[in-house]
Amino acid sequence: MTGAEPVRREGNRELPAGPRALRTRDTLLAAAAELFGEQGYLDTTVGQIAERAGVALGTFYQYFRDRSDIITTLVRTSVVDVFKVDRRWDPRRGRAGLERAIAVFVRTYTRTAPFQAVWEEVTHVQPDMADLRRETTRMFTGALEASLRDGIEAGLLREDLDVAATARALTAMVDRYCYLTYVFDPPATKPSVDETAALLTTLWGDALRLAE
């Protein structure tokens, strides 16, 4: 899911982006992230992004083809990390290990919360973003499904579950809870990362009959 190396366009040529070009590109990305977070994807124009970044409109097109191109780059660099699974949850580590794994997800989610609403928006208006969301969600769900199978084989989890459906339900629980709590309809006092991880661990652990 990693994108191509950054380039700068000159006419029909694409050149590797040097240090100065990378700084300009990063400035454009930061400006776009701010504007998308403030006023949404559909109400943000390329001209506004260039103005916020302090560059000419033509400079924008040296780095990105259009608004769709820059949102795709932002999603891949700012949001997809939430769903990356470098190491699968090991059921042999009990609830403490599960809580640590969930806390990593929640902490990353809260760090990118201002942009999560934007990704939610674009998945309904851009097919490629919808495809990317499906891809990342399936990666997350697939990792959990493998962990559940390991736990069942080791006698650590209940055996009467549909593993695929359970993995889908549990990952959806975490994703939607974080979205509602930290983005869409946050309570007056938002729970901390540790509080959220503890709550979700209890729900997962009880459903799976996972020992302490």
C-alpha atoms as a PDB file:
ATOM      1  CA  MET A   1       0.000   0.000   0.000  1.00  0.00           C
ATOM      2  CA  THR A   2       2.954   2.285  -0.094  1.00  0.00           C
ATOM      3  CA  GLY A   3       2.864   4.846  -2.838  1.00  0.00           C
ATOM      4  CA  ALA A   4       5.478   5.737  -5.410  1.00  0.00           C
ATOM      5  CA  GLU A   5       8.419   7.942  -4.511  1.00  0.00           C
ATOM      6  CA  PRO A   6       7.527  11.674  -4.510  1.00  0.00           C
ATOM      7  CA  VAL A   7       8.180  13.478  -7.784  1.00  0.00           C
ATOM      8  CA  ARG A   8       8.054  17.027  -9.103  1.00  0.00           C
ATOM      9  CA  ARG A   9       6.587  17.645 -12.546  1.00  0.00           C
ATOM     10  CA  GLU A  10       8.049  19.934 -15.149  1.00  0.00           C
ATOM     11  CA  GLY A  11       5.829  19.858 -18.195  1.00  0.00           C
ATOM     12  CA  ASN A  12       5.608  16.233 -19.250  1.00  0.00           C
ATOM     13  CA  ARG A  13       8.656  15.219 -17.212  1.00  0.00           C
ATOM     14  CA  GLU A  14       8.640  13.756 -13.727  1.00  0.00           C
ATOM     15  CA  LEU A  15      11.765  14.465 -11.682  1.00  0.00           C
ATOM     16  CA  PRO A  16      12.773  13.018  -8.305  1.00  0.00           C
ATOM     17  CA  ALA A  17      11.853  15.468  -5.544  1.00  0.00           C
ATOM     18  CA  GLY A  18      14.955  16.898  -3.884  1.00  0.00           C
ATOM     19  CA  PRO A  19      15.082  18.298  -0.330  1.00  0.00           C
ATOM     20  CA  ARG A  20      13.617  21.682  -1.283  1.00  0.00           C
ATOM     21  CA  ALA A  21      10.870  20.103  -3.373  1.00  0.00           C
ATOM     22  CA  LEU A  22      10.028  17.725  -0.543  1.00  0.00           C
ATOM     23  CA  ARG A  23       9.630  20.661   1.838  1.00  0.00           C
ATOM     24  CA  THR A  24       7.244  22.337  -0.600  1.00  0.00           C
ATOM     25  CA  ARG A  25       5.320  19.119  -1.031  1.00  0.00           C
ATOM     26  CA  ASP A  26       5.064  18.652   2.735  1.00  0.00           C
ATOM     27  CA  THR A  27       3.800  22.220   3.084  1.00  0.00           C
ATOM     28  CA  LEU A  28       1.065  21.510   0.546  1.00  0.00           C
ATOM     29  CA  LEU A  29       0.110  18.311   2.351  1.00  0.00           C
ATOM     30  CA  ALA A  30      -0.069  20.118   5.699  1.00  0.00           C
ATOM     31  CA  ALA A  31      -2.210  22.878   4.205  1.00  0.00           C
ATOM     32  CA  ALA A  32      -4.562  20.352   2.617  1.00  0.00           C
ATOM     33  CA  ALA A  33      -4.884  18.405   5.865  1.00  0.00           C
ATOM     34  CA  GLU A  34      -5.768  21.603   7.742  1.00  0.00           C
ATOM     35  CA  LEU A  35      -8.360  22.699   5.208  1.00  0.00           C
ATOM     36  CA  PHE A  36      -9.938  19.282   4.801  1.00  0.00           C
ATOM     37  CA  GLY A  37     -10.214  19.034   8.573  1.00  0.00           C
ATOM     38  CA  GLU A  38     -11.697  22.531   8.887  1.00  0.00           C
ATOM     39  CA  GLN A  39     -14.218  22.537   6.045  1.00  0.00           C
ATOM     40  CA  GLY A  40     -14.400  19.041   4.596  1.00  0.00           C
ATOM     41  CA  TYR A  41     -13.171  17.546   1.346  1.00  0.00           C
ATOM     42  CA  LEU A  42     -15.922  18.692  -0.991  1.00  0.00           C
ATOM     43  CA  ASP A  43     -15.759  22.325   0.127  1.00  0.00           C
ATOM     44  CA  THR A  44     -11.987  22.610  -0.231  1.00  0.00           C
ATOM     45  CA  THR A  45     -10.481  23.707  -3.543  1.00  0.00           C
ATOM     46  CA  VAL A  46      -7.005  23.341  -4.993  1.00  0.00           C
ATOM     47  CA  GLY A  47      -6.726  27.122  -5.018  1.00  0.00           C
ATOM     48  CA  GLN A  48      -7.407  27.289  -1.297  1.00  0.00           C
ATOM     49  CA  ILE A  49      -4.759  24.662  -0.620  1.00  0.00           C
ATOM     50  CA  ALA A  50      -2.152  26.568  -2.627  1.00  0.00           C
ATOM     51  CA  GLU A  51      -3.082  29.824  -0.881  1.00  0.00           C
ATOM     52  CA  ARG A  52      -2.866  28.253   2.587  1.00  0.00           C
ATOM     53  CA  ALA A  53       0.523  26.776   1.673  1.00  0.00           C
ATOM     54  CA  GLY A  54       1.746  30.156   0.423  1.00  0.00           C
ATOM     55  CA  VAL A  55       2.586  28.963  -3.081  1.00  0.00           C
ATOM     56  CA  ALA A  56       1.341  29.691  -6.579  1.00  0.00           C
ATOM     57  CA  LEU A  57      -1.434  27.553  -8.014  1.00  0.00           C
ATOM     58  CA  GLY A  58       0.965  26.215 -10.648  1.00  0.00           C
ATOM     59  CA  THR A  59       3.252  24.961  -7.891  1.00  0.00           C
ATOM     60  CA  PHE A  60       0.466  22.732  -6.598  1.00  0.00           C
ATOM     61  CA  TYR A  61       0.255  21.001  -9.969  1.00  0.00           C
ATOM     62  CA  GLN A  62       3.971  20.299  -9.940  1.00  0.00           C
ATOM     63  CA  TYR A  63       3.357  17.870  -7.073  1.00  0.00           C
ATOM     64  CA  PHE A  64      -0.272  16.747  -7.319  1.00  0.00           C
ATOM     65  CA  ARG A  65      -2.586  16.246 -10.258  1.00  0.00           C
ATOM     66  CA  ASP A  66      -5.735  17.389  -8.498  1.00  0.00           C
ATOM     67  CA  ARG A  67      -7.606  17.379  -5.195  1.00  0.00           C
ATOM     68  CA  SER A  68      -8.168  13.645  -5.458  1.00  0.00           C
ATOM     69  CA  ASP A  69      -4.429  13.034  -5.785  1.00  0.00           C
ATOM     70  CA  ILE A  70      -3.550  14.993  -2.647  1.00  0.00           C
ATOM     71  CA  ILE A  71      -6.295  13.386  -0.529  1.00  0.00           C
ATOM     72  CA  THR A  72      -5.093   9.964  -1.627  1.00  0.00           C
ATOM     73  CA  THR A  73      -1.560  10.832  -0.538  1.00  0.00           C
ATOM     74  CA  LEU A  74      -2.783  12.170   2.797  1.00  0.00           C
ATOM     75  CA  VAL A  75      -4.869   9.104   3.523  1.00  0.00           C
ATOM     76  CA  ARG A  76      -2.014   6.764   2.741  1.00  0.00           C
ATOM     77  CA  THR A  77       0.451   8.684   4.915  1.00  0.00           C
ATOM     78  CA  SER A  78      -1.792   9.865   7.748  1.00  0.00           C
ATOM     79  CA  VAL A  79      -4.631   7.384   8.188  1.00  0.00           C
ATOM     80  CA  VAL A  80      -3.660   3.980   6.859  1.00  0.00           C
ATOM     81  CA  ASP A  81      -1.047   3.661   9.625  1.00  0.00           C
ATOM     82  CA  VAL A  82      -3.938   3.132  12.026  1.00  0.00           C
ATOM     83  CA  PHE A  83      -4.678  -0.190  10.359  1.00  0.00           C
ATOM     84  CA  LYS A  84      -1.138  -1.427   9.899  1.00  0.00           C
ATOM     85  CA  VAL A  85      -0.493  -4.602  11.845  1.00  0.00           C
ATOM     86  CA  ASP A  86       3.208  -5.171  12.304  1.00  0.00           C
ATOM     87  CA  ARG A  87       2.785  -7.934  14.859  1.00  0.00           C
ATOM     88  CA  ARG A  88      -0.384  -9.944  15.403  1.00  0.00           C
ATOM     89  CA  TRP A  89      -2.031 -10.126  18.787  1.00  0.00           C
ATOM     90  CA  ASP A  90      -0.861 -13.267  20.608  1.00  0.00           C
ATOM     91  CA  PRO A  91      -3.715 -14.801  22.686  1.00  0.00           C
ATOM     92  CA  ARG A  92      -1.101 -16.531  24.856  1.00  0.00           C
ATOM     93  CA  ARG A  93      -0.384 -13.124  26.394  1.00  0.00           C
ATOM     94  CA  GLY A  94      -3.856 -13.019  27.911  1.00  0.00           C
ATOM     95  CA  ARG A  95      -5.921  -9.922  28.461  1.00  0.00           C
ATOM     96  CA  ALA A  96      -2.901  -7.792  29.305  1.00  0.00           C
ATOM     97  CA  GLY A  97      -1.445  -8.474  25.864  1.00  0.00           C
ATOM     98  CA  LEU A  98      -4.803  -7.808  24.227  1.00  0.00           C
ATOM     99  CA  GLU A  99      -5.131  -4.500  26.060  1.00  0.00           C
ATOM    100  CA  ARG A 100      -1.683  -3.419  24.901  1.00  0.00           C
ATOM    101  CA  ALA A 101      -2.540  -4.272  21.281  1.00  0.00           C
ATOM    102  CA  ILE A 102      -5.836  -2.379  21.401  1.00  0.00           C
ATOM    103  CA  ALA A 103      -4.163   0.602  23.067  1.00  0.00           C
ATOM    104  CA  VAL A 104      -1.716   0.877  20.151  1.00  0.00           C
ATOM    105  CA  PHE A 105      -4.640   1.121  17.736  1.00  0.00           C
ATOM    106  CA  VAL A 106      -6.559   3.639  19.861  1.00  0.00           C
ATOM    107  CA  ARG A 107      -3.504   5.816  20.447  1.00  0.00           C
ATOM    108  CA  THR A 108      -2.756   5.997  16.724  1.00  0.00           C
ATOM    109  CA  TYR A 109      -6.416   6.676  15.968  1.00  0.00           C
ATOM    110  CA  THR A 110      -6.656   9.577  18.403  1.00  0.00           C
ATOM    111  CA  ARG A 111      -3.467  11.058  16.972  1.00  0.00           C
ATOM    112  CA  THR A 112      -5.065  11.137  13.506  1.00  0.00           C
ATOM    113  CA  ALA A 113      -8.614  11.903  14.700  1.00  0.00           C
ATOM    114  CA  PRO A 114      -8.943  15.293  12.922  1.00  0.00           C
ATOM    115  CA  PHE A 115      -8.402  13.553   9.600  1.00  0.00           C
ATOM    116  CA  GLN A 116     -10.515  10.456  10.259  1.00  0.00           C
ATOM    117  CA  ALA A 117     -13.704  12.397   9.484  1.00  0.00           C
ATOM    118  CA  VAL A 118     -12.253  13.405   6.120  1.00  0.00           C
ATOM    119  CA  TRP A 119     -11.509   9.800   5.229  1.00  0.00           C
ATOM    120  CA  GLU A 120     -15.042   8.884   6.236  1.00  0.00           C
ATOM    121  CA  GLU A 121     -16.315  11.551   3.843  1.00  0.00           C
ATOM    122  CA  VAL A 122     -14.169  10.660   0.856  1.00  0.00           C
ATOM    123  CA  THR A 123     -14.953   6.943   1.016  1.00  0.00           C
ATOM    124  CA  HIS A 124     -18.499   7.874  -0.031  1.00  0.00           C
ATOM    125  CA  VAL A 125     -17.492  10.090  -2.955  1.00  0.00           C
ATOM    126  CA  GLN A 126     -14.286   8.534  -4.310  1.00  0.00           C
ATOM    127  CA  PRO A 127     -14.294   4.874  -5.371  1.00  0.00           C
ATOM    128  CA  ASP A 128     -10.515   4.552  -4.995  1.00  0.00           C
ATOM    129  CA  MET A 129     -10.738   5.715  -1.384  1.00  0.00           C
ATOM    130  CA  ALA A 130     -13.522   3.226  -0.737  1.00  0.00           C
ATOM    131  CA  ASP A 131     -11.308   0.497  -2.184  1.00  0.00           C
ATOM    132  CA  LEU A 132      -8.406   1.584   0.025  1.00  0.00           C
ATOM    133  CA  ARG A 133     -10.621   1.502   3.108  1.00  0.00           C
ATOM    134  CA  ARG A 134     -11.790  -2.008   2.258  1.00  0.00           C
ATOM    135  CA  GLU A 135      -8.195  -3.090   1.698  1.00  0.00           C
ATOM    136  CA  THR A 136      -6.916  -1.737   4.998  1.00  0.00           C
ATOM    137  CA  THR A 137      -9.912  -2.981   6.963  1.00  0.00           C
ATOM    138  CA  ARG A 138      -9.508  -6.477   5.524  1.00  0.00           C
ATOM    139  CA  MET A 139      -5.838  -6.428   6.489  1.00  0.00           C
ATOM    140  CA  PHE A 140      -6.772  -5.552  10.063  1.00  0.00           C
ATOM    141  CA  THR A 141      -9.572  -8.130  10.162  1.00  0.00           C
ATOM    142  CA  GLY A 142      -7.419 -10.823   8.582  1.00  0.00           C
ATOM    143  CA  ALA A 143      -4.701 -10.381  11.193  1.00  0.00           C
ATOM    144  CA  LEU A 144      -7.232 -10.772  13.992  1.00  0.00           C
ATOM    145  CA  GLU A 145      -8.781 -13.821  12.333  1.00  0.00           C
ATOM    146  CA  ALA A 146      -5.376 -15.508  12.287  1.00  0.00           C
ATOM    147  CA  SER A 147      -4.889 -14.679  15.975  1.00  0.00           C
ATOM    148  CA  LEU A 148      -8.288 -16.119  16.846  1.00  0.00           C
ATOM    149  CA  ARG A 149      -7.485 -19.361  15.061  1.00  0.00           C
ATOM    150  CA  ASP A 150      -4.186 -19.578  16.947  1.00  0.00           C
ATOM    151  CA  GLY A 151      -5.984 -19.007  20.244  1.00  0.00           C
ATOM    152  CA  ILE A 152      -8.612 -21.641  19.554  1.00  0.00           C
ATOM    153  CA  GLU A 153      -6.001 -24.209  18.528  1.00  0.00           C
ATOM    154  CA  ALA A 154      -4.114 -23.483  21.760  1.00  0.00           C
ATOM    155  CA  GLY A 155      -7.277 -23.970  23.839  1.00  0.00           C
ATOM    156  CA  LEU A 156      -7.248 -20.346  25.006  1.00  0.00           C
ATOM    157  CA  LEU A 157     -10.482 -19.164  23.358  1.00  0.00           C
ATOM    158  CA  ARG A 158     -13.992 -20.532  23.007  1.00  0.00           C
ATOM    159  CA  GLU A 159     -14.338 -22.955  20.114  1.00  0.00           C
ATOM    160  CA  ASP A 160     -17.942 -22.322  19.048  1.00  0.00           C
ATOM    161  CA  LEU A 161     -17.294 -19.085  17.172  1.00  0.00           C
ATOM    162  CA  ASP A 162     -17.420 -18.355  13.479  1.00  0.00           C
ATOM    163  CA  VAL A 163     -13.867 -17.026  13.342  1.00  0.00           C
ATOM    164  CA  ALA A 164     -14.261 -14.862  10.246  1.00  0.00           C
ATOM    165  CA  ALA A 165     -17.509 -13.279  11.446  1.00  0.00           C
ATOM    166  CA  THR A 166     -16.102 -12.749  14.940  1.00  0.00           C
ATOM    167  CA  ALA A 167     -12.993 -11.011  13.612  1.00  0.00           C
ATOM    168  CA  ARG A 168     -15.177  -8.779  11.470  1.00  0.00           C
ATOM    169  CA  ALA A 169     -17.461  -7.891  14.380  1.00  0.00           C
ATOM    170  CA  LEU A 170     -14.666  -7.177  16.856  1.00  0.00           C
ATOM    171  CA  THR A 171     -12.639  -5.000  14.512  1.00  0.00           C
ATOM    172  CA  ALA A 172     -15.780  -3.089  13.538  1.00  0.00           C
ATOM    173  CA  MET A 173     -16.460  -2.517  17.236  1.00  0.00           C
ATOM    174  CA  VAL A 174     -13.073  -0.929  17.785  1.00  0.00           C
ATOM    175  CA  ASP A 175     -13.188   1.176  14.630  1.00  0.00           C
ATOM    176  CA  ARG A 176     -16.739   2.474  15.157  1.00  0.00           C
ATOM    177  CA  TYR A 177     -16.268   3.087  18.856  1.00  0.00           C
ATOM    178  CA  CYS A 178     -13.185   5.192  18.173  1.00  0.00           C
ATOM    179  CA  TYR A 179     -14.928   7.064  15.367  1.00  0.00           C
ATOM    180  CA  LEU A 180     -17.993   7.893  17.474  1.00  0.00           C
ATOM    181  CA  THR A 181     -15.987   8.710  20.598  1.00  0.00           C
ATOM    182  CA  TYR A 182     -13.114  10.734  19.175  1.00  0.00           C
ATOM    183  CA  VAL A 183     -14.527  12.149  15.929  1.00  0.00           C
ATOM    184  CA  PHE A 184     -18.248  12.066  15.209  1.00  0.00           C
ATOM    185  CA  ASP A 185     -20.010  12.465  18.578  1.00  0.00           C
ATOM    186  CA  PRO A 186     -17.462  12.770  21.379  1.00  0.00           C
ATOM    187  CA  PRO A 187     -18.781  12.862  24.947  1.00  0.00           C
ATOM    188  CA  ALA A 188     -18.305  15.947  27.107  1.00  0.00           C
ATOM    189  CA  THR A 189     -15.300  14.233  28.653  1.00  0.00           C
ATOM    190  CA  LYS A 190     -13.467  12.013  26.203  1.00  0.00           C
ATOM    191  CA  PRO A 191     -12.115   8.781  27.674  1.00  0.00           C
ATOM    192  CA  SER A 192      -8.360   8.415  27.701  1.00  0.00           C
ATOM    193  CA  VAL A 193      -6.607   5.910  25.478  1.00  0.00           C
ATOM    194  CA  ASP A 194      -6.106   3.629  28.481  1.00  0.00           C
ATOM    195  CA  GLU A 195      -9.773   3.853  29.490  1.00  0.00           C
ATOM    196  CA  THR A 196     -10.918   2.985  25.978  1.00  0.00           C
ATOM    197  CA  ALA A 197      -8.429   0.122  25.695  1.00  0.00           C
ATOM    198  CA  ALA A 198      -9.585  -1.280  29.055  1.00  0.00           C
ATOM    199  CA  LEU A 199     -13.264  -1.121  28.047  1.00  0.00           C
ATOM    200  CA  LEU A 200     -12.728  -2.784  24.668  1.00  0.00           C
ATOM    201  CA  THR A 201     -10.479  -5.420  26.221  1.00  0.00           C
ATOM    202  CA  THR A 202     -13.243  -6.353  28.660  1.00  0.00           C
ATOM    203  CA  LEU A 203     -15.793  -6.660  25.851  1.00  0.00           C
ATOM    204  CA  TRP A 204     -13.457  -8.688  23.633  1.00  0.00           C
ATOM    205  CA  GLY A 205     -12.158 -10.822  26.477  1.00  0.00           C
ATOM    206  CA  ASP A 206     -15.611 -11.710  27.784  1.00  0.00           C
ATOM    207  CA  ALA A 207     -16.894 -12.528  24.305  1.00  0.00           C
ATOM    208  CA  LEU A 208     -13.901 -14.763  23.600  1.00  0.00           C
ATOM    209  CA  ARG A 209     -13.685 -16.211  27.120  1.00  0.00           C
ATOM    210  CA  LEU A 210     -10.079 -15.117  27.265  1.00  0.00           C
ATOM    211  CA  ALA A 211      -8.325 -15.719  30.568  1.00  0.00           C
ATOM    212  CA  GLU A 212      -6.509 -12.982  32.443  1.00  0.00           C
END
